[in-house]
Amino acid sequence: MDADRRSDPRALYGLQVTVAGAGLAGCALGLAAGVSRMHVAPAAAHRLDVGGARFTYPAANAAAVTLFALAALAVAVLFASLRGAWRQLRAHRRLVHALPVAGPLPDHPAVRVVDVAAPLAFCAGWLHPRIYVSTETLNRLSERELRAVLAHEQHHRARRDPLRLAVGRVLSQALFFLPVLRALHERYGDVAELTADAAALEATGGAPRPLASAMLAIAATPAGEVVGISPARVDALLGHRPVWRMPWLLLVAAIITIAAYVALAWRTDAIASAQTSLNLPIASSQPCLLILALVPILVCIAAAAPRRPGPRFSGRLSGRGRKFAHDRAEVMSS
């Protein structure tokens, strides 16, 4: 991939979706093969008596065990995909409903003004994204700076970058065994910002000063620090072309991983043999005893589960503003 294509967000997104699609197709093949090889035959299943309670477990050869392990990985990918998509959908809906919209921006009907005492400007929405700016942003920026910011966000809106970022984030989380997806997702986010900056420069006649001063005004914290501006964006504004190399090693490793998964699923499917009873695998004929035995284990797992604190937003926000800022951080975080 040449330098121009490495800097094209559409090419990067297409590569990420292609690799992820191949991974999902391989997982679907492994799951289908695992399900097709499980046969119900009560007489062939193994039984084990422990303390008077009878347990059953499948009778399977080594190929079937391998195939079921591949199917379990496919189930984990499916669960992670659904969980990630649900979290993105929930955070997006909470964000949209919690936005304290004051009305459209004069002369810009597609831009919504939110009544928040923090400098914010972002694009949100999937199929029909919209641009949001806070009242504090309008107070801080000059006319040329605001024009640059709106051109930047309009570029995100035209490309539907919020939707692409959400899809890429879910795919990189679900296919956790393909690290190249996360690298491509992060690169897409960087390139999307650089191309949006280029659109902002074009809207202001090629002068970098309005965009640079707007970035500083929005990224400044109450303590006087500047956060959230990537070095690549600064270099691009200074005229230095950012250098990024395709993670060829990760890409080749992903291709080999997917090919090995498909080949192993296809090979083991031909010789796998598994028989189970009508009960669930490793299920007791006395389910009450099994449930009572699992209660202490489940309690310990729930108590030991780490609790991740929610993202924080700097600046002085009202209670409603803090809620919507929290949801925006969850949607936009990578």
C-alpha atoms as a PDB file:
ATOM      1  CA  MET A   1       0.000   0.000   0.000  1.00  0.00           C
ATOM      2  CA  ASP A   2       1.565   3.312  -1.107  1.00  0.00           C
ATOM      3  CA  ALA A   3       1.779   6.491   0.928  1.00  0.00           C
ATOM      4  CA  ASP A   4      -1.337   8.043  -0.615  1.00  0.00           C
ATOM      5  CA  ARG A   5      -3.490   5.028   0.167  1.00  0.00           C
ATOM      6  CA  ARG A   6      -2.070   4.867   3.684  1.00  0.00           C
ATOM      7  CA  SER A   7      -3.368   8.408   4.126  1.00  0.00           C
ATOM      8  CA  ASP A   8      -6.798   7.625   2.636  1.00  0.00           C
ATOM      9  CA  PRO A   9      -9.302   6.875   5.414  1.00  0.00           C
ATOM     10  CA  ARG A  10     -11.560   4.964   3.029  1.00  0.00           C
ATOM     11  CA  ALA A  11      -8.740   2.591   2.065  1.00  0.00           C
ATOM     12  CA  LEU A  12      -7.834   2.019   5.715  1.00  0.00           C
ATOM     13  CA  TYR A  13     -11.444   1.403   6.672  1.00  0.00           C
ATOM     14  CA  GLY A  14     -11.897  -0.962   3.729  1.00  0.00           C
ATOM     15  CA  LEU A  15      -8.829  -2.947   4.760  1.00  0.00           C
ATOM     16  CA  GLN A  16     -10.034  -3.161   8.345  1.00  0.00           C
ATOM     17  CA  VAL A  17     -13.508  -4.339   7.305  1.00  0.00           C
ATOM     18  CA  THR A  18     -12.027  -6.879   4.879  1.00  0.00           C
ATOM     19  CA  VAL A  19      -9.774  -8.445   7.517  1.00  0.00           C
ATOM     20  CA  ALA A  20     -12.583  -8.409  10.084  1.00  0.00           C
ATOM     21  CA  GLY A  21     -15.032  -9.918   7.585  1.00  0.00           C
ATOM     22  CA  ALA A  22     -12.628 -12.774   6.886  1.00  0.00           C
ATOM     23  CA  GLY A  23     -12.229 -13.343  10.631  1.00  0.00           C
ATOM     24  CA  LEU A  24     -15.992 -13.363  11.207  1.00  0.00           C
ATOM     25  CA  ALA A  25     -16.530 -15.727   8.283  1.00  0.00           C
ATOM     26  CA  GLY A  26     -13.928 -18.117   9.689  1.00  0.00           C
ATOM     27  CA  CYS A  27     -15.565 -17.998  13.120  1.00  0.00           C
ATOM     28  CA  ALA A  28     -18.961 -18.703  11.554  1.00  0.00           C
ATOM     29  CA  LEU A  29     -17.490 -21.737   9.802  1.00  0.00           C
ATOM     30  CA  GLY A  30     -15.982 -23.024  13.045  1.00  0.00           C
ATOM     31  CA  LEU A  31     -19.228 -22.529  14.949  1.00  0.00           C
ATOM     32  CA  ALA A  32     -21.307 -24.270  12.276  1.00  0.00           C
ATOM     33  CA  ALA A  33     -18.889 -27.197  12.154  1.00  0.00           C
ATOM     34  CA  GLY A  34     -18.907 -27.571  15.930  1.00  0.00           C
ATOM     35  CA  VAL A  35     -22.688 -27.563  16.132  1.00  0.00           C
ATOM     36  CA  SER A  36     -23.069 -30.031  13.263  1.00  0.00           C
ATOM     37  CA  ARG A  37     -20.734 -32.564  14.910  1.00  0.00           C
ATOM     38  CA  MET A  38     -22.614 -32.776  18.209  1.00  0.00           C
ATOM     39  CA  HIS A  39     -25.022 -35.737  18.123  1.00  0.00           C
ATOM     40  CA  VAL A  40     -27.540 -36.635  20.815  1.00  0.00           C
ATOM     41  CA  ALA A  41     -27.199 -40.288  21.806  1.00  0.00           C
ATOM     42  CA  PRO A  42     -27.957 -40.962  25.485  1.00  0.00           C
ATOM     43  CA  ALA A  43     -26.380 -44.402  25.542  1.00  0.00           C
ATOM     44  CA  ALA A  44     -23.061 -43.139  24.184  1.00  0.00           C
ATOM     45  CA  ALA A  45     -22.485 -40.327  26.686  1.00  0.00           C
ATOM     46  CA  HIS A  46     -20.238 -40.820  29.718  1.00  0.00           C
ATOM     47  CA  ARG A  47     -21.659 -40.671  33.222  1.00  0.00           C
ATOM     48  CA  LEU A  48     -20.025 -39.930  36.541  1.00  0.00           C
ATOM     49  CA  ASP A  49     -21.461 -40.367  40.042  1.00  0.00           C
ATOM     50  CA  VAL A  50     -20.213 -37.921  42.689  1.00  0.00           C
ATOM     51  CA  GLY A  51     -21.744 -38.071  46.159  1.00  0.00           C
ATOM     52  CA  GLY A  52     -24.865 -39.688  44.851  1.00  0.00           C
ATOM     53  CA  ALA A  53     -25.357 -37.068  42.128  1.00  0.00           C
ATOM     54  CA  ARG A  54     -25.079 -38.248  38.531  1.00  0.00           C
ATOM     55  CA  PHE A  55     -23.252 -36.053  36.005  1.00  0.00           C
ATOM     56  CA  THR A  56     -22.950 -36.543  32.270  1.00  0.00           C
ATOM     57  CA  TYR A  57     -20.332 -35.365  29.825  1.00  0.00           C
ATOM     58  CA  PRO A  58     -19.912 -35.900  26.094  1.00  0.00           C
ATOM     59  CA  ALA A  59     -17.939 -38.733  24.586  1.00  0.00           C
ATOM     60  CA  ALA A  60     -15.636 -37.079  22.053  1.00  0.00           C
ATOM     61  CA  ASN A  61     -12.371 -37.762  20.287  1.00  0.00           C
ATOM     62  CA  ALA A  62      -9.451 -35.325  20.136  1.00  0.00           C
ATOM     63  CA  ALA A  63     -10.632 -33.825  16.843  1.00  0.00           C
ATOM     64  CA  ALA A  64     -14.045 -33.068  18.331  1.00  0.00           C
ATOM     65  CA  VAL A  65     -12.487 -31.408  21.374  1.00  0.00           C
ATOM     66  CA  THR A  66     -10.385 -29.213  19.078  1.00  0.00           C
ATOM     67  CA  LEU A  67     -13.416 -28.378  16.972  1.00  0.00           C
ATOM     68  CA  PHE A  68     -15.458 -27.461  20.037  1.00  0.00           C
ATOM     69  CA  ALA A  69     -12.625 -25.198  21.221  1.00  0.00           C
ATOM     70  CA  LEU A  70     -12.769 -23.394  17.883  1.00  0.00           C
ATOM     71  CA  ALA A  71     -16.544 -23.153  18.199  1.00  0.00           C
ATOM     72  CA  ALA A  72     -16.159 -21.743  21.712  1.00  0.00           C
ATOM     73  CA  LEU A  73     -13.875 -19.037  20.329  1.00  0.00           C
ATOM     74  CA  ALA A  74     -16.510 -18.249  17.706  1.00  0.00           C
ATOM     75  CA  VAL A  75     -19.152 -17.954  20.437  1.00  0.00           C
ATOM     76  CA  ALA A  76     -16.870 -15.585  22.363  1.00  0.00           C
ATOM     77  CA  VAL A  77     -16.462 -13.443  19.225  1.00  0.00           C
ATOM     78  CA  LEU A  78     -20.237 -13.405  18.682  1.00  0.00           C
ATOM     79  CA  PHE A  79     -20.862 -12.430  22.301  1.00  0.00           C
ATOM     80  CA  ALA A  80     -18.210  -9.701  22.189  1.00  0.00           C
ATOM     81  CA  SER A  81     -19.701  -8.348  18.940  1.00  0.00           C
ATOM     82  CA  LEU A  82     -23.203  -8.155  20.376  1.00  0.00           C
ATOM     83  CA  ARG A  83     -21.947  -6.693  23.653  1.00  0.00           C
ATOM     84  CA  GLY A  84     -19.844  -4.057  21.899  1.00  0.00           C
ATOM     85  CA  ALA A  85     -22.658  -3.101  19.525  1.00  0.00           C
ATOM     86  CA  TRP A  86     -25.113  -2.841  22.411  1.00  0.00           C
ATOM     87  CA  ARG A  87     -22.768  -0.654  24.424  1.00  0.00           C
ATOM     88  CA  GLN A  88     -22.222   1.654  21.454  1.00  0.00           C
ATOM     89  CA  LEU A  89     -25.961   1.860  20.786  1.00  0.00           C
ATOM     90  CA  ARG A  90     -26.799   2.494  24.433  1.00  0.00           C
ATOM     91  CA  ALA A  91     -24.135   5.178  24.860  1.00  0.00           C
ATOM     92  CA  HIS A  92     -25.190   6.853  21.619  1.00  0.00           C
ATOM     93  CA  ARG A  93     -28.857   6.951  22.592  1.00  0.00           C
ATOM     94  CA  ARG A  94     -28.055   8.249  26.050  1.00  0.00           C
ATOM     95  CA  LEU A  95     -25.844  10.928  24.544  1.00  0.00           C
ATOM     96  CA  VAL A  96     -28.468  12.102  22.059  1.00  0.00           C
ATOM     97  CA  HIS A  97     -31.255  12.164  24.658  1.00  0.00           C
ATOM     98  CA  ALA A  98     -29.117  13.931  27.253  1.00  0.00           C
ATOM     99  CA  LEU A  99     -27.901  16.723  24.973  1.00  0.00           C
ATOM    100  CA  PRO A 100     -29.151  20.065  26.319  1.00  0.00           C
ATOM    101  CA  VAL A 101     -29.853  21.446  22.851  1.00  0.00           C
ATOM    102  CA  ALA A 102     -30.603  25.166  22.861  1.00  0.00           C
ATOM    103  CA  GLY A 103     -31.464  25.317  19.163  1.00  0.00           C
ATOM    104  CA  PRO A 104     -29.827  25.580  15.741  1.00  0.00           C
ATOM    105  CA  LEU A 105     -26.887  27.849  15.117  1.00  0.00           C
ATOM    106  CA  PRO A 106     -27.918  30.959  13.169  1.00  0.00           C
ATOM    107  CA  ASP A 107     -27.092  30.657   9.456  1.00  0.00           C
ATOM    108  CA  HIS A 108     -26.158  26.995  10.088  1.00  0.00           C
ATOM    109  CA  PRO A 109     -29.385  24.948  10.411  1.00  0.00           C
ATOM    110  CA  ALA A 110     -27.474  21.647  10.479  1.00  0.00           C
ATOM    111  CA  VAL A 111     -25.499  22.697  13.570  1.00  0.00           C
ATOM    112  CA  ARG A 112     -27.004  22.324  17.037  1.00  0.00           C
ATOM    113  CA  VAL A 113     -25.978  24.511  19.960  1.00  0.00           C
ATOM    114  CA  VAL A 114     -25.771  22.738  23.333  1.00  0.00           C
ATOM    115  CA  ASP A 115     -25.969  24.667  26.563  1.00  0.00           C
ATOM    116  CA  VAL A 116     -22.821  23.370  28.258  1.00  0.00           C
ATOM    117  CA  ALA A 117     -20.244  25.434  30.136  1.00  0.00           C
ATOM    118  CA  ALA A 118     -17.267  23.708  28.470  1.00  0.00           C
ATOM    119  CA  PRO A 119     -15.671  24.192  25.044  1.00  0.00           C
ATOM    120  CA  LEU A 120     -17.017  21.343  22.922  1.00  0.00           C
ATOM    121  CA  ALA A 121     -17.404  20.749  19.198  1.00  0.00           C
ATOM    122  CA  PHE A 122     -18.138  17.298  17.817  1.00  0.00           C
ATOM    123  CA  CYS A 123     -20.090  15.279  15.280  1.00  0.00           C
ATOM    124  CA  ALA A 124     -22.470  12.599  16.554  1.00  0.00           C
ATOM    125  CA  GLY A 125     -24.899  10.270  14.854  1.00  0.00           C
ATOM    126  CA  TRP A 126     -24.612   7.289  12.569  1.00  0.00           C
ATOM    127  CA  LEU A 127     -26.885   7.332   9.524  1.00  0.00           C
ATOM    128  CA  HIS A 128     -27.726  11.032   9.845  1.00  0.00           C
ATOM    129  CA  PRO A 129     -24.930  12.589  11.911  1.00  0.00           C
ATOM    130  CA  ARG A 130     -25.214  16.127  13.226  1.00  0.00           C
ATOM    131  CA  ILE A 131     -22.752  18.732  14.412  1.00  0.00           C
ATOM    132  CA  TYR A 132     -22.898  20.043  17.978  1.00  0.00           C
ATOM    133  CA  VAL A 133     -21.103  23.037  19.447  1.00  0.00           C
ATOM    134  CA  SER A 134     -21.377  24.335  22.986  1.00  0.00           C
ATOM    135  CA  THR A 135     -22.207  27.878  24.004  1.00  0.00           C
ATOM    136  CA  GLU A 136     -18.755  28.159  25.557  1.00  0.00           C
ATOM    137  CA  THR A 137     -17.199  27.351  22.187  1.00  0.00           C
ATOM    138  CA  LEU A 138     -19.183  30.133  20.542  1.00  0.00           C
ATOM    139  CA  ASN A 139     -18.013  32.532  23.230  1.00  0.00           C
ATOM    140  CA  ARG A 140     -14.339  31.628  22.817  1.00  0.00           C
ATOM    141  CA  LEU A 141     -13.953  31.452  19.039  1.00  0.00           C
ATOM    142  CA  SER A 142     -13.785  34.207  16.492  1.00  0.00           C
ATOM    143  CA  GLU A 143     -15.722  34.047  13.231  1.00  0.00           C
ATOM    144  CA  ARG A 144     -12.795  32.570  11.264  1.00  0.00           C
ATOM    145  CA  GLU A 145     -11.994  30.078  14.013  1.00  0.00           C
ATOM    146  CA  LEU A 146     -15.619  28.963  14.144  1.00  0.00           C
ATOM    147  CA  ARG A 147     -15.650  28.570  10.367  1.00  0.00           C
ATOM    148  CA  ALA A 148     -12.620  26.292  10.568  1.00  0.00           C
ATOM    149  CA  VAL A 149     -14.168  24.188  13.342  1.00  0.00           C
ATOM    150  CA  LEU A 150     -17.471  23.816  11.486  1.00  0.00           C
ATOM    151  CA  ALA A 151     -15.658  22.815   8.287  1.00  0.00           C
ATOM    152  CA  HIS A 152     -13.719  20.208  10.265  1.00  0.00           C
ATOM    153  CA  GLU A 153     -16.881  18.719  11.757  1.00  0.00           C
ATOM    154  CA  GLN A 154     -18.757  18.963   8.469  1.00  0.00           C
ATOM    155  CA  HIS A 155     -16.094  16.747   6.904  1.00  0.00           C
ATOM    156  CA  HIS A 156     -16.696  14.151   9.641  1.00  0.00           C
ATOM    157  CA  ARG A 157     -20.412  14.438   8.988  1.00  0.00           C
ATOM    158  CA  ALA A 158     -20.072  13.961   5.229  1.00  0.00           C
ATOM    159  CA  ARG A 159     -17.873  10.878   5.709  1.00  0.00           C
ATOM    160  CA  ARG A 160     -20.076   9.453   8.477  1.00  0.00           C
ATOM    161  CA  ASP A 161     -16.980   9.065  10.606  1.00  0.00           C
ATOM    162  CA  PRO A 162     -18.936   8.411  13.848  1.00  0.00           C
ATOM    163  CA  LEU A 163     -20.490   5.310  12.266  1.00  0.00           C
ATOM    164  CA  ARG A 164     -17.183   4.100  10.822  1.00  0.00           C
ATOM    165  CA  LEU A 165     -15.415   4.593  14.146  1.00  0.00           C
ATOM    166  CA  ALA A 166     -18.165   2.736  16.015  1.00  0.00           C
ATOM    167  CA  VAL A 167     -18.031  -0.217  13.595  1.00  0.00           C
ATOM    168  CA  GLY A 168     -14.246  -0.329  13.701  1.00  0.00           C
ATOM    169  CA  ARG A 169     -14.231  -0.192  17.485  1.00  0.00           C
ATOM    170  CA  VAL A 170     -16.694  -3.087  17.790  1.00  0.00           C
ATOM    171  CA  LEU A 171     -14.775  -5.217  15.279  1.00  0.00           C
ATOM    172  CA  SER A 172     -11.411  -4.637  16.944  1.00  0.00           C
ATOM    173  CA  GLN A 173     -12.888  -5.545  20.336  1.00  0.00           C
ATOM    174  CA  ALA A 174     -14.748  -8.630  19.115  1.00  0.00           C
ATOM    175  CA  LEU A 175     -11.863 -10.078  17.089  1.00  0.00           C
ATOM    176  CA  PHE A 176      -9.427  -9.576  19.944  1.00  0.00           C
ATOM    177  CA  PHE A 177      -7.047 -12.219  18.567  1.00  0.00           C
ATOM    178  CA  LEU A 178      -6.334 -10.053  15.496  1.00  0.00           C
ATOM    179  CA  PRO A 179      -4.308  -7.088  16.862  1.00  0.00           C
ATOM    180  CA  VAL A 180      -3.985  -5.571  13.389  1.00  0.00           C
ATOM    181  CA  LEU A 181      -7.620  -4.458  13.606  1.00  0.00           C
ATOM    182  CA  ARG A 182      -6.894  -2.197  16.564  1.00  0.00           C
ATOM    183  CA  ALA A 183      -3.858  -0.735  14.799  1.00  0.00           C
ATOM    184  CA  LEU A 184      -5.920  -0.022  11.675  1.00  0.00           C
ATOM    185  CA  HIS A 185      -8.741   1.431  13.769  1.00  0.00           C
ATOM    186  CA  GLU A 186      -6.397   3.806  15.560  1.00  0.00           C
ATOM    187  CA  ARG A 187      -4.781   4.807  12.279  1.00  0.00           C
ATOM    188  CA  TYR A 188      -8.197   5.471  10.739  1.00  0.00           C
ATOM    189  CA  GLY A 189      -9.050   7.798  13.616  1.00  0.00           C
ATOM    190  CA  ASP A 190      -5.809   9.726  13.106  1.00  0.00           C
ATOM    191  CA  VAL A 191      -6.228   9.993   9.333  1.00  0.00           C
ATOM    192  CA  ALA A 192      -9.878  11.036   9.689  1.00  0.00           C
ATOM    193  CA  GLU A 193      -8.774  13.939  11.889  1.00  0.00           C
ATOM    194  CA  LEU A 194      -6.003  14.940   9.466  1.00  0.00           C
ATOM    195  CA  THR A 195      -8.324  14.955   6.451  1.00  0.00           C
ATOM    196  CA  ALA A 196     -10.910  16.944   8.421  1.00  0.00           C
ATOM    197  CA  ASP A 197      -8.168  19.427   9.313  1.00  0.00           C
ATOM    198  CA  ALA A 198      -7.307  19.685   5.630  1.00  0.00           C
ATOM    199  CA  ALA A 199     -10.961  20.513   4.871  1.00  0.00           C
ATOM    200  CA  ALA A 200     -10.852  23.194   7.588  1.00  0.00           C
ATOM    201  CA  LEU A 201      -7.712  24.714   6.056  1.00  0.00           C
ATOM    202  CA  GLU A 202      -9.372  24.810   2.661  1.00  0.00           C
ATOM    203  CA  ALA A 203     -12.394  26.586   4.157  1.00  0.00           C
ATOM    204  CA  THR A 204     -10.159  29.305   5.599  1.00  0.00           C
ATOM    205  CA  GLY A 205      -8.086  29.862   2.465  1.00  0.00           C
ATOM    206  CA  GLY A 206      -5.209  27.606   3.473  1.00  0.00           C
ATOM    207  CA  ALA A 207      -4.207  29.648   6.538  1.00  0.00           C
ATOM    208  CA  PRO A 208      -3.446  27.344   9.483  1.00  0.00           C
ATOM    209  CA  ARG A 209      -3.762  30.049  12.143  1.00  0.00           C
ATOM    210  CA  PRO A 210      -7.589  30.007  12.570  1.00  0.00           C
ATOM    211  CA  LEU A 211      -7.707  26.243  12.986  1.00  0.00           C
ATOM    212  CA  ALA A 212      -4.660  26.159  15.260  1.00  0.00           C
ATOM    213  CA  SER A 213      -6.013  28.871  17.549  1.00  0.00           C
ATOM    214  CA  ALA A 214      -9.432  27.179  17.616  1.00  0.00           C
ATOM    215  CA  MET A 215      -7.822  23.865  18.592  1.00  0.00           C
ATOM    216  CA  LEU A 216      -5.957  25.562  21.427  1.00  0.00           C
ATOM    217  CA  ALA A 217      -9.079  27.353  22.630  1.00  0.00           C
ATOM    218  CA  ILE A 218     -11.169  24.182  22.703  1.00  0.00           C
ATOM    219  CA  ALA A 219      -8.455  21.946  24.167  1.00  0.00           C
ATOM    220  CA  ALA A 220      -7.464  24.361  26.958  1.00  0.00           C
ATOM    221  CA  THR A 221      -8.370  23.225  30.479  1.00  0.00           C
ATOM    222  CA  PRO A 222      -9.293  25.549  33.385  1.00  0.00           C
ATOM    223  CA  ALA A 223      -5.759  24.984  34.727  1.00  0.00           C
ATOM    224  CA  GLY A 224      -4.264  26.385  31.524  1.00  0.00           C
ATOM    225  CA  GLU A 225      -3.104  23.041  30.116  1.00  0.00           C
ATOM    226  CA  VAL A 226      -3.780  21.900  26.544  1.00  0.00           C
ATOM    227  CA  VAL A 227      -4.946  18.305  26.122  1.00  0.00           C
ATOM    228  CA  GLY A 228      -6.405  16.172  23.362  1.00  0.00           C
ATOM    229  CA  ILE A 229      -4.343  17.460  20.415  1.00  0.00           C
ATOM    230  CA  SER A 230      -2.329  14.710  18.761  1.00  0.00           C
ATOM    231  CA  PRO A 231       1.263  15.411  17.652  1.00  0.00           C
ATOM    232  CA  ALA A 232       0.322  14.299  14.120  1.00  0.00           C
ATOM    233  CA  ARG A 233      -2.219  17.124  13.815  1.00  0.00           C
ATOM    234  CA  VAL A 234       0.321  19.656  15.039  1.00  0.00           C
ATOM    235  CA  ASP A 235       2.911  18.385  12.569  1.00  0.00           C
ATOM    236  CA  ALA A 236       0.398  18.571   9.723  1.00  0.00           C
ATOM    237  CA  LEU A 237      -0.482  22.174  10.575  1.00  0.00           C
ATOM    238  CA  LEU A 238       3.241  23.003  10.573  1.00  0.00           C
ATOM    239  CA  GLY A 239       3.593  21.511   7.092  1.00  0.00           C
ATOM    240  CA  HIS A 240       5.290  18.262   8.107  1.00  0.00           C
ATOM    241  CA  ARG A 241       3.691  15.180   6.611  1.00  0.00           C
ATOM    242  CA  PRO A 242       3.127  12.528   9.305  1.00  0.00           C
ATOM    243  CA  VAL A 243       4.911   9.235   8.719  1.00  0.00           C
ATOM    244  CA  TRP A 244       3.028   6.009   9.318  1.00  0.00           C
ATOM    245  CA  ARG A 245       4.021   2.519   8.346  1.00  0.00           C
ATOM    246  CA  MET A 246       1.621  -0.251   7.576  1.00  0.00           C
ATOM    247  CA  PRO A 247       1.816  -2.925  10.322  1.00  0.00           C
ATOM    248  CA  TRP A 248       2.741  -5.608   7.819  1.00  0.00           C
ATOM    249  CA  LEU A 249       3.821  -8.073  10.507  1.00  0.00           C
ATOM    250  CA  LEU A 250       0.457  -7.814  12.257  1.00  0.00           C
ATOM    251  CA  LEU A 251      -1.369  -8.004   8.921  1.00  0.00           C
ATOM    252  CA  VAL A 252       0.489 -11.139   7.839  1.00  0.00           C
ATOM    253  CA  ALA A 253      -0.048 -12.656  11.299  1.00  0.00           C
ATOM    254  CA  ALA A 254      -3.789 -11.953  10.986  1.00  0.00           C
ATOM    255  CA  ILE A 255      -3.959 -13.638   7.576  1.00  0.00           C
ATOM    256  CA  ILE A 256      -2.062 -16.664   8.875  1.00  0.00           C
ATOM    257  CA  THR A 257      -4.283 -16.840  11.976  1.00  0.00           C
ATOM    258  CA  ILE A 258      -7.493 -16.768   9.937  1.00  0.00           C
ATOM    259  CA  ALA A 259      -6.157 -19.321   7.440  1.00  0.00           C
ATOM    260  CA  ALA A 260      -4.999 -21.631  10.238  1.00  0.00           C
ATOM    261  CA  TYR A 261      -8.373 -21.348  11.980  1.00  0.00           C
ATOM    262  CA  VAL A 262     -10.292 -22.221   8.802  1.00  0.00           C
ATOM    263  CA  ALA A 263      -7.923 -25.066   7.882  1.00  0.00           C
ATOM    264  CA  LEU A 264      -8.073 -26.528  11.386  1.00  0.00           C
ATOM    265  CA  ALA A 265     -11.872 -26.299  11.475  1.00  0.00           C
ATOM    266  CA  TRP A 266     -12.153 -27.922   8.046  1.00  0.00           C
ATOM    267  CA  ARG A 267      -9.685 -30.695   8.903  1.00  0.00           C
ATOM    268  CA  THR A 268     -11.111 -31.568  12.317  1.00  0.00           C
ATOM    269  CA  ASP A 269     -14.685 -31.443  11.003  1.00  0.00           C
ATOM    270  CA  ALA A 270     -13.922 -34.400   8.760  1.00  0.00           C
ATOM    271  CA  ILE A 271     -12.791 -36.688  11.611  1.00  0.00           C
ATOM    272  CA  ALA A 272     -14.566 -35.268  14.654  1.00  0.00           C
ATOM    273  CA  SER A 273     -16.996 -37.464  16.555  1.00  0.00           C
ATOM    274  CA  ALA A 274     -18.935 -36.450  19.647  1.00  0.00           C
ATOM    275  CA  GLN A 275     -21.908 -37.948  21.436  1.00  0.00           C
ATOM    276  CA  THR A 276     -23.850 -36.457  24.317  1.00  0.00           C
ATOM    277  CA  SER A 277     -26.920 -37.215  26.356  1.00  0.00           C
ATOM    278  CA  LEU A 278     -30.185 -35.319  26.393  1.00  0.00           C
ATOM    279  CA  ASN A 279     -28.914 -33.433  29.456  1.00  0.00           C
ATOM    280  CA  LEU A 280     -26.586 -30.495  28.987  1.00  0.00           C
ATOM    281  CA  PRO A 281     -22.885 -31.400  29.055  1.00  0.00           C
ATOM    282  CA  ILE A 282     -21.599 -31.657  32.640  1.00  0.00           C
ATOM    283  CA  ALA A 283     -25.179 -31.265  33.906  1.00  0.00           C
ATOM    284  CA  SER A 284     -26.390 -33.107  36.939  1.00  0.00           C
ATOM    285  CA  SER A 285     -29.496 -35.218  37.036  1.00  0.00           C
ATOM    286  CA  GLN A 286     -30.168 -33.369  40.298  1.00  0.00           C
ATOM    287  CA  PRO A 287     -29.985 -29.721  39.198  1.00  0.00           C
ATOM    288  CA  CYS A 288     -30.748 -28.349  42.671  1.00  0.00           C
ATOM    289  CA  LEU A 289     -27.488 -29.762  44.014  1.00  0.00           C
ATOM    290  CA  LEU A 290     -25.581 -28.301  41.070  1.00  0.00           C
ATOM    291  CA  ILE A 291     -27.092 -24.830  41.547  1.00  0.00           C
ATOM    292  CA  LEU A 292     -26.331 -24.833  45.270  1.00  0.00           C
ATOM    293  CA  ALA A 293     -22.743 -25.800  44.533  1.00  0.00           C
ATOM    294  CA  LEU A 294     -22.356 -22.968  42.014  1.00  0.00           C
ATOM    295  CA  VAL A 295     -23.741 -20.193  44.243  1.00  0.00           C
ATOM    296  CA  PRO A 296     -20.531 -19.619  46.278  1.00  0.00           C
ATOM    297  CA  ILE A 297     -18.445 -19.639  43.102  1.00  0.00           C
ATOM    298  CA  LEU A 298     -20.676 -17.072  41.400  1.00  0.00           C
ATOM    299  CA  VAL A 299     -20.630 -14.846  44.469  1.00  0.00           C
ATOM    300  CA  CYS A 300     -16.832 -14.897  44.577  1.00  0.00           C
ATOM    301  CA  ILE A 301     -16.600 -14.085  40.859  1.00  0.00           C
ATOM    302  CA  ALA A 302     -19.021 -11.170  41.232  1.00  0.00           C
ATOM    303  CA  ALA A 303     -17.111  -9.792  44.218  1.00  0.00           C
ATOM    304  CA  ALA A 304     -13.751 -10.066  42.466  1.00  0.00           C
ATOM    305  CA  ALA A 305     -14.919  -8.528  39.171  1.00  0.00           C
ATOM    306  CA  PRO A 306     -13.075  -5.236  38.553  1.00  0.00           C
ATOM    307  CA  ARG A 307     -15.194  -2.125  38.357  1.00  0.00           C
ATOM    308  CA  ARG A 308     -13.965   0.281  35.704  1.00  0.00           C
ATOM    309  CA  PRO A 309     -14.577   3.925  36.524  1.00  0.00           C
ATOM    310  CA  GLY A 310     -16.350   5.984  33.912  1.00  0.00           C
ATOM    311  CA  PRO A 311     -14.462   8.593  31.886  1.00  0.00           C
ATOM    312  CA  ARG A 312     -14.218  12.077  33.346  1.00  0.00           C
ATOM    313  CA  PHE A 313     -14.544  15.411  31.639  1.00  0.00           C
ATOM    314  CA  SER A 314     -12.501  18.399  32.637  1.00  0.00           C
ATOM    315  CA  GLY A 315     -14.183  21.744  33.089  1.00  0.00           C
ATOM    316  CA  ARG A 316     -17.104  23.009  35.112  1.00  0.00           C
ATOM    317  CA  LEU A 317     -20.275  21.262  34.005  1.00  0.00           C
ATOM    318  CA  SER A 318     -23.766  21.138  35.366  1.00  0.00           C
ATOM    319  CA  GLY A 319     -25.224  17.798  36.395  1.00  0.00           C
ATOM    320  CA  ARG A 320     -26.949  17.391  33.043  1.00  0.00           C
ATOM    321  CA  GLY A 321     -23.797  18.474  31.234  1.00  0.00           C
ATOM    322  CA  ARG A 322     -21.672  15.938  33.105  1.00  0.00           C
ATOM    323  CA  LYS A 323     -24.072  13.169  32.109  1.00  0.00           C
ATOM    324  CA  PHE A 324     -23.981  13.976  28.417  1.00  0.00           C
ATOM    325  CA  ALA A 325     -20.198  14.499  28.485  1.00  0.00           C
ATOM    326  CA  HIS A 326     -19.758  11.061  30.068  1.00  0.00           C
ATOM    327  CA  ASP A 327     -21.822   9.430  27.292  1.00  0.00           C
ATOM    328  CA  ARG A 328     -19.947  11.369  24.596  1.00  0.00           C
ATOM    329  CA  ALA A 329     -16.614  10.176  25.999  1.00  0.00           C
ATOM    330  CA  GLU A 330     -17.841   6.576  25.961  1.00  0.00           C
ATOM    331  CA  VAL A 331     -19.028   6.855  22.345  1.00  0.00           C
ATOM    332  CA  MET A 332     -15.929   8.641  21.030  1.00  0.00           C
ATOM    333  CA  SER A 333     -13.272   6.804  23.047  1.00  0.00           C
ATOM    334  CA  SER A 334     -11.144   4.302  21.227  1.00  0.00           C
END
